[in-house]
Amino acid sequence: MKTITTMRQPGIGNVRLTKRETEVLSLVAQGLTSQEVADQLFLSARTVSYHLAQVYAKLEVSNRVQAFRVASRMGLIPEQPHIDFM
């Protein structure tokens, strides 16, 4: 069963991210590399890249920073991710 996060913004339309896409984007927003996300979620780095490509297409962006900004604005992920510098 897939969990889908949906947000509707005026002029943007419906954006639906799967649970996995939301997890990947949230970890990337915390500053993790694709390999670090893969390790944490027990995926391959290639699978993480695939999920990011899906997110970019859905949000109509071309990189991680843009994806974070748009997803934050739409309420799909927290605006202030936790970053651990230890």
PDB file of N, CA and C in Angstrom:
ATOM      1  N   MET A   1       0.842  -1.182   0.000  1.00  0.00           N
ATOM      2  CA  MET A   1       0.000   0.000   0.000  1.00  0.00           C
ATOM      3  C   MET A   1       0.884   1.241   0.000  1.00  0.00           C
ATOM      4  N   LYS A   2       0.704   2.103  -0.965  1.00  0.00           N
ATOM      5  CA  LYS A   2       1.502   3.321  -1.061  1.00  0.00           C
ATOM      6  C   LYS A   2       0.778   4.473  -0.389  1.00  0.00           C
ATOM      7  N   THR A   3       1.533   5.251   0.355  1.00  0.00           N
ATOM      8  CA  THR A   3       1.004   6.477   0.924  1.00  0.00           C
ATOM      9  C   THR A   3       1.386   7.605  -0.013  1.00  0.00           C
ATOM     10  N   ILE A   4       0.438   8.446  -0.331  1.00  0.00           N
ATOM     11  CA  ILE A   4       0.699   9.540  -1.251  1.00  0.00           C
ATOM     12  C   ILE A   4       0.379  10.859  -0.558  1.00  0.00           C
ATOM     13  N   THR A   5       1.328  11.784  -0.635  1.00  0.00           N
ATOM     14  CA  THR A   5       1.127  13.124  -0.097  1.00  0.00           C
ATOM     15  C   THR A   5       0.652  14.013  -1.237  1.00  0.00           C
ATOM     16  N   THR A   6      -0.473  14.658  -1.053  1.00  0.00           N
ATOM     17  CA  THR A   6      -1.037  15.524  -2.084  1.00  0.00           C
ATOM     18  C   THR A   6      -1.183  16.933  -1.545  1.00  0.00           C
ATOM     19  N   MET A   7      -0.817  17.896  -2.353  1.00  0.00           N
ATOM     20  CA  MET A   7      -0.968  19.288  -1.969  1.00  0.00           C
ATOM     21  C   MET A   7      -1.492  20.040  -3.177  1.00  0.00           C
ATOM     22  N   ARG A   8      -2.431  20.907  -2.977  1.00  0.00           N
ATOM     23  CA  ARG A   8      -2.947  21.723  -4.084  1.00  0.00           C
ATOM     24  C   ARG A   8      -2.699  23.183  -3.764  1.00  0.00           C
ATOM     25  N   GLN A   9      -2.057  23.854  -4.675  1.00  0.00           N
ATOM     26  CA  GLN A   9      -1.780  25.284  -4.549  1.00  0.00           C
ATOM     27  C   GLN A   9      -2.408  25.981  -5.757  1.00  0.00           C
ATOM     28  N   PRO A  10      -2.943  27.169  -5.568  1.00  0.00           N
ATOM     29  CA  PRO A  10      -3.506  27.893  -6.710  1.00  0.00           C
ATOM     30  C   PRO A  10      -2.470  28.071  -7.810  1.00  0.00           C
ATOM     31  N   GLY A  11      -2.835  27.690  -9.036  1.00  0.00           N
ATOM     32  CA  GLY A  11      -1.939  27.861 -10.171  1.00  0.00           C
ATOM     33  C   GLY A  11      -0.905  26.766 -10.328  1.00  0.00           C
ATOM     34  N   ILE A  12      -0.813  25.877  -9.337  1.00  0.00           N
ATOM     35  CA  ILE A  12       0.188  24.819  -9.413  1.00  0.00           C
ATOM     36  C   ILE A  12      -0.456  23.488  -9.749  1.00  0.00           C
ATOM     37  N   GLY A  13      -1.671  23.244  -9.294  1.00  0.00           N
ATOM     38  CA  GLY A  13      -2.341  21.983  -9.536  1.00  0.00           C
ATOM     39  C   GLY A  13      -1.992  20.971  -8.465  1.00  0.00           C
ATOM     40  N   ASN A  14      -2.378  19.747  -8.722  1.00  0.00           N
ATOM     41  CA  ASN A  14      -2.113  18.683  -7.753  1.00  0.00           C
ATOM     42  C   ASN A  14      -0.704  18.141  -7.920  1.00  0.00           C
ATOM     43  N   VAL A  15      -0.017  18.000  -6.825  1.00  0.00           N
ATOM     44  CA  VAL A  15       1.287  17.349  -6.819  1.00  0.00           C
ATOM     45  C   VAL A  15       1.172  16.194  -5.845  1.00  0.00           C
ATOM     46  N   ARG A  16       1.475  15.008  -6.320  1.00  0.00           N
ATOM     47  CA  ARG A  16       1.398  13.829  -5.470  1.00  0.00           C
ATOM     48  C   ARG A  16       2.769  13.181  -5.383  1.00  0.00           C
ATOM     49  N   LEU A  17       3.278  13.092  -4.168  1.00  0.00           N
ATOM     50  CA  LEU A  17       4.532  12.394  -3.924  1.00  0.00           C
ATOM     51  C   LEU A  17       4.215  11.122  -3.165  1.00  0.00           C
ATOM     52  N   THR A  18       4.876  10.039  -3.553  1.00  0.00           N
ATOM     53  CA  THR A  18       4.709   8.801  -2.803  1.00  0.00           C
ATOM     54  C   THR A  18       5.422   8.932  -1.462  1.00  0.00           C
ATOM     55  N   LYS A  19       5.155   8.008  -0.585  1.00  0.00           N
ATOM     56  CA  LYS A  19       5.823   8.005   0.722  1.00  0.00           C
ATOM     57  C   LYS A  19       7.337   7.949   0.526  1.00  0.00           C
ATOM     58  N   ARG A  20       7.805   7.101  -0.374  1.00  0.00           N
ATOM     59  CA  ARG A  20       9.245   6.953  -0.607  1.00  0.00           C
ATOM     60  C   ARG A  20       9.837   8.233  -1.181  1.00  0.00           C
ATOM     61  N   GLU A  21       9.152   8.868  -2.118  1.00  0.00           N
ATOM     62  CA  GLU A  21       9.644  10.126  -2.676  1.00  0.00           C
ATOM     63  C   GLU A  21       9.749  11.190  -1.587  1.00  0.00           C
ATOM     64  N   THR A  22       8.769  11.225  -0.692  1.00  0.00           N
ATOM     65  CA  THR A  22       8.794  12.177   0.420  1.00  0.00           C
ATOM     66  C   THR A  22       9.958  11.878   1.352  1.00  0.00           C
ATOM     67  N   GLU A  23      10.195  10.597   1.636  1.00  0.00           N
ATOM     68  CA  GLU A  23      11.323  10.214   2.499  1.00  0.00           C
ATOM     69  C   GLU A  23      12.645  10.637   1.875  1.00  0.00           C
ATOM     70  N   VAL A  24      12.817  10.330   0.598  1.00  0.00           N
ATOM     71  CA  VAL A  24      14.060  10.671  -0.100  1.00  0.00           C
ATOM     72  C   VAL A  24      14.264  12.184  -0.111  1.00  0.00           C
ATOM     73  N   LEU A  25      13.243  12.933  -0.462  1.00  0.00           N
ATOM     74  CA  LEU A  25      13.363  14.389  -0.528  1.00  0.00           C
ATOM     75  C   LEU A  25      13.654  14.983   0.845  1.00  0.00           C
ATOM     76  N   SER A  26      13.033  14.452   1.882  1.00  0.00           N
ATOM     77  CA  SER A  26      13.276  14.950   3.242  1.00  0.00           C
ATOM     78  C   SER A  26      14.724  14.725   3.663  1.00  0.00           C
ATOM     79  N   LEU A  27      15.277  13.571   3.327  1.00  0.00           N
ATOM     80  CA  LEU A  27      16.672  13.284   3.684  1.00  0.00           C
ATOM     81  C   LEU A  27      17.639  14.134   2.863  1.00  0.00           C
ATOM     82  N   VAL A  28      17.338  14.321   1.595  1.00  0.00           N
ATOM     83  CA  VAL A  28      18.162  15.187   0.745  1.00  0.00           C
ATOM     84  C   VAL A  28      18.130  16.618   1.283  1.00  0.00           C
ATOM     85  N   ALA A  29      16.964  17.052   1.751  1.00  0.00           N
ATOM     86  CA  ALA A  29      16.824  18.402   2.310  1.00  0.00           C
ATOM     87  C   ALA A  29      17.660  18.579   3.570  1.00  0.00           C
ATOM     88  N   GLN A  30      17.982  17.472   4.237  1.00  0.00           N
ATOM     89  CA  GLN A  30      18.827  17.526   5.430  1.00  0.00           C
ATOM     90  C   GLN A  30      20.309  17.581   5.066  1.00  0.00           C
ATOM     91  N   GLY A  31      20.606  17.514   3.765  1.00  0.00           N
ATOM     92  CA  GLY A  31      21.986  17.622   3.324  1.00  0.00           C
ATOM     93  C   GLY A  31      22.664  16.303   3.011  1.00  0.00           C
ATOM     94  N   LEU A  32      21.916  15.201   3.043  1.00  0.00           N
ATOM     95  CA  LEU A  32      22.511  13.906   2.755  1.00  0.00           C
ATOM     96  C   LEU A  32      22.754  13.754   1.257  1.00  0.00           C
ATOM     97  N   THR A  33      23.817  13.040   0.914  1.00  0.00           N
ATOM     98  CA  THR A  33      24.092  12.714  -0.481  1.00  0.00           C
ATOM     99  C   THR A  33      23.174  11.571  -0.895  1.00  0.00           C
ATOM    100  N   SER A  34      23.118  11.308  -2.186  1.00  0.00           N
ATOM    101  CA  SER A  34      22.302  10.191  -2.666  1.00  0.00           C
ATOM    102  C   SER A  34      22.766   8.879  -2.048  1.00  0.00           C
ATOM    103  N   GLN A  35      24.073   8.696  -1.919  1.00  0.00           N
ATOM    104  CA  GLN A  35      24.586   7.458  -1.328  1.00  0.00           C
ATOM    105  C   GLN A  35      24.197   7.350   0.145  1.00  0.00           C
ATOM    106  N   GLU A  36      24.257   8.461   0.875  1.00  0.00           N
ATOM    107  CA  GLU A  36      23.864   8.447   2.288  1.00  0.00           C
ATOM    108  C   GLU A  36      22.373   8.153   2.445  1.00  0.00           C
ATOM    109  N   VAL A  37      21.554   8.717   1.557  1.00  0.00           N
ATOM    110  CA  VAL A  37      20.117   8.424   1.576  1.00  0.00           C
ATOM    111  C   VAL A  37      19.906   6.942   1.286  1.00  0.00           C
ATOM    112  N   ALA A  38      20.610   6.437   0.287  1.00  0.00           N
ATOM    113  CA  ALA A  38      20.500   5.022  -0.073  1.00  0.00           C
ATOM    114  C   ALA A  38      20.855   4.127   1.106  1.00  0.00           C
ATOM    115  N   ASP A  39      21.941   4.437   1.778  1.00  0.00           N
ATOM    116  CA  ASP A  39      22.360   3.638   2.932  1.00  0.00           C
ATOM    117  C   ASP A  39      21.313   3.668   4.036  1.00  0.00           C
ATOM    118  N   GLN A  40      20.758   4.828   4.284  1.00  0.00           N
ATOM    119  CA  GLN A  40      19.786   4.978   5.368  1.00  0.00           C
ATOM    120  C   GLN A  40      18.468   4.265   5.059  1.00  0.00           C
ATOM    121  N   LEU A  41      18.061   4.257   3.792  1.00  0.00           N
ATOM    122  CA  LEU A  41      16.783   3.651   3.411  1.00  0.00           C
ATOM    123  C   LEU A  41      16.941   2.239   2.846  1.00  0.00           C
ATOM    124  N   PHE A  42      18.165   1.726   2.856  1.00  0.00           N
ATOM    125  CA  PHE A  42      18.452   0.384   2.340  1.00  0.00           C
ATOM    126  C   PHE A  42      18.056   0.253   0.869  1.00  0.00           C
ATOM    127  N   LEU A  43      18.483   1.241   0.088  1.00  0.00           N
ATOM    128  CA  LEU A  43      18.250   1.283  -1.347  1.00  0.00           C
ATOM    129  C   LEU A  43      19.584   1.422  -2.051  1.00  0.00           C
ATOM    130  N   SER A  44      19.576   1.302  -3.367  1.00  0.00           N
ATOM    131  CA  SER A  44      20.785   1.609  -4.126  1.00  0.00           C
ATOM    132  C   SER A  44      20.785   3.109  -4.429  1.00  0.00           C
ATOM    133  N   ALA A  45      21.966   3.653  -4.692  1.00  0.00           N
ATOM    134  CA  ALA A  45      22.069   5.071  -5.044  1.00  0.00           C
ATOM    135  C   ALA A  45      21.304   5.342  -6.336  1.00  0.00           C
ATOM    136  N   ARG A  46      21.294   4.374  -7.224  1.00  0.00           N
ATOM    137  CA  ARG A  46      20.556   4.529  -8.485  1.00  0.00           C
ATOM    138  C   ARG A  46      19.049   4.651  -8.236  1.00  0.00           C
ATOM    139  N   THR A  47      18.535   3.891  -7.279  1.00  0.00           N
ATOM    140  CA  THR A  47      17.112   3.979  -6.932  1.00  0.00           C
ATOM    141  C   THR A  47      16.793   5.344  -6.338  1.00  0.00           C
ATOM    142  N   VAL A  48      17.685   5.856  -5.503  1.00  0.00           N
ATOM    143  CA  VAL A  48      17.497   7.197  -4.937  1.00  0.00           C
ATOM    144  C   VAL A  48      17.465   8.223  -6.067  1.00  0.00           C
ATOM    145  N   SER A  49      18.376   8.108  -7.012  1.00  0.00           N
ATOM    146  CA  SER A  49      18.402   9.029  -8.154  1.00  0.00           C
ATOM    147  C   SER A  49      17.106   8.956  -8.950  1.00  0.00           C
ATOM    148  N   TYR A  50      16.566   7.753  -9.096  1.00  0.00           N
ATOM    149  CA  TYR A  50      15.292   7.581  -9.794  1.00  0.00           C
ATOM    150  C   TYR A  50      14.178   8.325  -9.052  1.00  0.00           C
ATOM    151  N   HIS A  51      14.109   8.139  -7.731  1.00  0.00           N
ATOM    152  CA  HIS A  51      13.075   8.816  -6.944  1.00  0.00           C
ATOM    153  C   HIS A  51      13.229  10.336  -7.042  1.00  0.00           C
ATOM    154  N   LEU A  52      14.455  10.824  -6.995  1.00  0.00           N
ATOM    155  CA  LEU A  52      14.683  12.269  -7.127  1.00  0.00           C
ATOM    156  C   LEU A  52      14.239  12.775  -8.495  1.00  0.00           C
ATOM    157  N   ALA A  53      14.519  12.009  -9.538  1.00  0.00           N
ATOM    158  CA  ALA A  53      14.098  12.405 -10.887  1.00  0.00           C
ATOM    159  C   ALA A  53      12.576  12.494 -10.964  1.00  0.00           C
ATOM    160  N   GLN A  54      11.893  11.563 -10.309  1.00  0.00           N
ATOM    161  CA  GLN A  54      10.428  11.592 -10.276  1.00  0.00           C
ATOM    162  C   GLN A  54       9.932  12.842  -9.541  1.00  0.00           C
ATOM    163  N   VAL A  55      10.577  13.162  -8.417  1.00  0.00           N
ATOM    164  CA  VAL A  55      10.214  14.350  -7.639  1.00  0.00           C
ATOM    165  C   VAL A  55      10.436  15.608  -8.475  1.00  0.00           C
ATOM    166  N   TYR A  56      11.602  15.704  -9.132  1.00  0.00           N
ATOM    167  CA  TYR A  56      11.906  16.880  -9.954  1.00  0.00           C
ATOM    168  C   TYR A  56      10.841  17.067 -11.036  1.00  0.00           C
ATOM    169  N   ALA A  57      10.449  15.978 -11.674  1.00  0.00           N
ATOM    170  CA  ALA A  57       9.443  16.059 -12.738  1.00  0.00           C
ATOM    171  C   ALA A  57       8.096  16.518 -12.183  1.00  0.00           C
ATOM    172  N   LYS A  58       7.713  15.963 -11.057  1.00  0.00           N
ATOM    173  CA  LYS A  58       6.423  16.326 -10.459  1.00  0.00           C
ATOM    174  C   LYS A  58       6.393  17.776  -9.994  1.00  0.00           C
ATOM    175  N   LEU A  59       7.516  18.254  -9.476  1.00  0.00           N
ATOM    176  CA  LEU A  59       7.585  19.627  -8.973  1.00  0.00           C
ATOM    177  C   LEU A  59       8.009  20.623 -10.051  1.00  0.00           C
ATOM    178  N   GLU A  60       8.366  20.098 -11.231  1.00  0.00           N
ATOM    179  CA  GLU A  60       8.820  20.916 -12.359  1.00  0.00           C
ATOM    180  C   GLU A  60      10.039  21.748 -11.987  1.00  0.00           C
ATOM    181  N   VAL A  61      11.044  21.070 -11.409  1.00  0.00           N
ATOM    182  CA  VAL A  61      12.306  21.696 -11.024  1.00  0.00           C
ATOM    183  C   VAL A  61      13.446  20.879 -11.619  1.00  0.00           C
ATOM    184  N   SER A  62      14.676  21.383 -11.463  1.00  0.00           N
ATOM    185  CA  SER A  62      15.803  20.673 -12.069  1.00  0.00           C
ATOM    186  C   SER A  62      16.925  20.333 -11.099  1.00  0.00           C
ATOM    187  N   ASN A  63      16.766  20.683  -9.811  1.00  0.00           N
ATOM    188  CA  ASN A  63      17.823  20.323  -8.866  1.00  0.00           C
ATOM    189  C   ASN A  63      17.279  20.221  -7.442  1.00  0.00           C
ATOM    190  N   ARG A  64      18.152  19.791  -6.538  1.00  0.00           N
ATOM    191  CA  ARG A  64      17.767  19.546  -5.142  1.00  0.00           C
ATOM    192  C   ARG A  64      17.300  20.803  -4.425  1.00  0.00           C
ATOM    193  N   VAL A  65      17.991  21.897  -4.650  1.00  0.00           N
ATOM    194  CA  VAL A  65      17.644  23.149  -3.966  1.00  0.00           C
ATOM    195  C   VAL A  65      16.253  23.607  -4.390  1.00  0.00           C
ATOM    196  N   GLN A  66      16.002  23.594  -5.683  1.00  0.00           N
ATOM    197  CA  GLN A  66      14.681  23.985  -6.172  1.00  0.00           C
ATOM    198  C   GLN A  66      13.603  23.046  -5.635  1.00  0.00           C
ATOM    199  N   ALA A  67      13.890  21.754  -5.624  1.00  0.00           N
ATOM    200  CA  ALA A  67      12.919  20.771  -5.121  1.00  0.00           C
ATOM    201  C   ALA A  67      12.590  21.047  -3.663  1.00  0.00           C
ATOM    202  N   PHE A  68      13.618  21.328  -2.857  1.00  0.00           N
ATOM    203  CA  PHE A  68      13.401  21.627  -1.444  1.00  0.00           C
ATOM    204  C   PHE A  68      12.539  22.874  -1.281  1.00  0.00           C
ATOM    205  N   ARG A  69      12.869  23.919  -2.024  1.00  0.00           N
ATOM    206  CA  ARG A  69      12.124  25.184  -1.898  1.00  0.00           C
ATOM    207  C   ARG A  69      10.652  25.016  -2.278  1.00  0.00           C
ATOM    208  N   VAL A  70      10.409  24.371  -3.404  1.00  0.00           N
ATOM    209  CA  VAL A  70       9.030  24.192  -3.863  1.00  0.00           C
ATOM    210  C   VAL A  70       8.264  23.274  -2.914  1.00  0.00           C
ATOM    211  N   ALA A  71       8.872  22.161  -2.527  1.00  0.00           N
ATOM    212  CA  ALA A  71       8.199  21.213  -1.633  1.00  0.00           C
ATOM    213  C   ALA A  71       7.916  21.841  -0.275  1.00  0.00           C
ATOM    214  N   SER A  72       8.818  22.663   0.218  1.00  0.00           N
ATOM    215  CA  SER A  72       8.604  23.358   1.495  1.00  0.00           C
ATOM    216  C   SER A  72       7.442  24.330   1.387  1.00  0.00           C
ATOM    217  N   ARG A  73       7.441  25.096   0.312  1.00  0.00           N
ATOM    218  CA  ARG A  73       6.374  26.079   0.085  1.00  0.00           C
ATOM    219  C   ARG A  73       5.009  25.406  -0.020  1.00  0.00           C
ATOM    220  N   MET A  74       4.992  24.202  -0.590  1.00  0.00           N
ATOM    221  CA  MET A  74       3.742  23.472  -0.776  1.00  0.00           C
ATOM    222  C   MET A  74       3.343  22.663   0.454  1.00  0.00           C
ATOM    223  N   GLY A  75       4.217  22.640   1.457  1.00  0.00           N
ATOM    224  CA  GLY A  75       3.906  21.894   2.668  1.00  0.00           C
ATOM    225  C   GLY A  75       4.137  20.401   2.561  1.00  0.00           C
ATOM    226  N   LEU A  76       4.911  19.971   1.563  1.00  0.00           N
ATOM    227  CA  LEU A  76       5.179  18.546   1.380  1.00  0.00           C
ATOM    228  C   LEU A  76       6.272  18.035   2.305  1.00  0.00           C
ATOM    229  N   ILE A  77       7.167  18.936   2.729  1.00  0.00           N
ATOM    230  CA  ILE A  77       8.215  18.604   3.697  1.00  0.00           C
ATOM    231  C   ILE A  77       8.371  19.801   4.629  1.00  0.00           C
ATOM    232  N   PRO A  78       8.951  19.601   5.814  1.00  0.00           N
ATOM    233  CA  PRO A  78       9.149  20.731   6.734  1.00  0.00           C
ATOM    234  C   PRO A  78      10.057  21.791   6.118  1.00  0.00           C
ATOM    235  N   GLU A  79       9.792  23.059   6.419  1.00  0.00           N
ATOM    236  CA  GLU A  79      10.616  24.147   5.882  1.00  0.00           C
ATOM    237  C   GLU A  79      12.012  24.160   6.474  1.00  0.00           C
ATOM    238  N   GLN A  80      12.149  23.799   7.726  1.00  0.00           N
ATOM    239  CA  GLN A  80      13.445  23.815   8.399  1.00  0.00           C
ATOM    240  C   GLN A  80      13.867  22.387   8.716  1.00  0.00           C
ATOM    241  N   PRO A  81      14.577  21.723   7.804  1.00  0.00           N
ATOM    242  CA  PRO A  81      15.001  20.355   8.102  1.00  0.00           C
ATOM    243  C   PRO A  81      16.024  20.342   9.227  1.00  0.00           C
ATOM    244  N   HIS A  82      16.071  19.245   9.955  1.00  0.00           N
ATOM    245  CA  HIS A  82      17.061  19.078  11.017  1.00  0.00           C
ATOM    246  C   HIS A  82      18.381  18.688  10.368  1.00  0.00           C
ATOM    247  N   ILE A  83      19.421  19.434  10.645  1.00  0.00           N
ATOM    248  CA  ILE A  83      20.753  19.120  10.131  1.00  0.00           C
ATOM    249  C   ILE A  83      21.663  18.892  11.319  1.00  0.00           C
ATOM    250  N   ASP A  84      22.247  17.715  11.375  1.00  0.00           N
ATOM    251  CA  ASP A  84      23.133  17.353  12.470  1.00  0.00           C
ATOM    252  C   ASP A  84      24.571  17.511  11.995  1.00  0.00           C
ATOM    253  N   PHE A  85      25.303  18.442  12.592  1.00  0.00           N
ATOM    254  CA  PHE A  85      26.678  18.714  12.175  1.00  0.00           C
ATOM    255  C   PHE A  85      27.705  17.944  12.988  1.00  0.00           C
ATOM    256  N   MET A  86      27.295  16.961  13.730  1.00  0.00           N
ATOM    257  CA  MET A  86      28.236  16.193  14.552  1.00  0.00           C
ATOM    258  C   MET A  86      28.932  15.144  13.760  1.00  0.00           C
TER     259      MET A  86
END
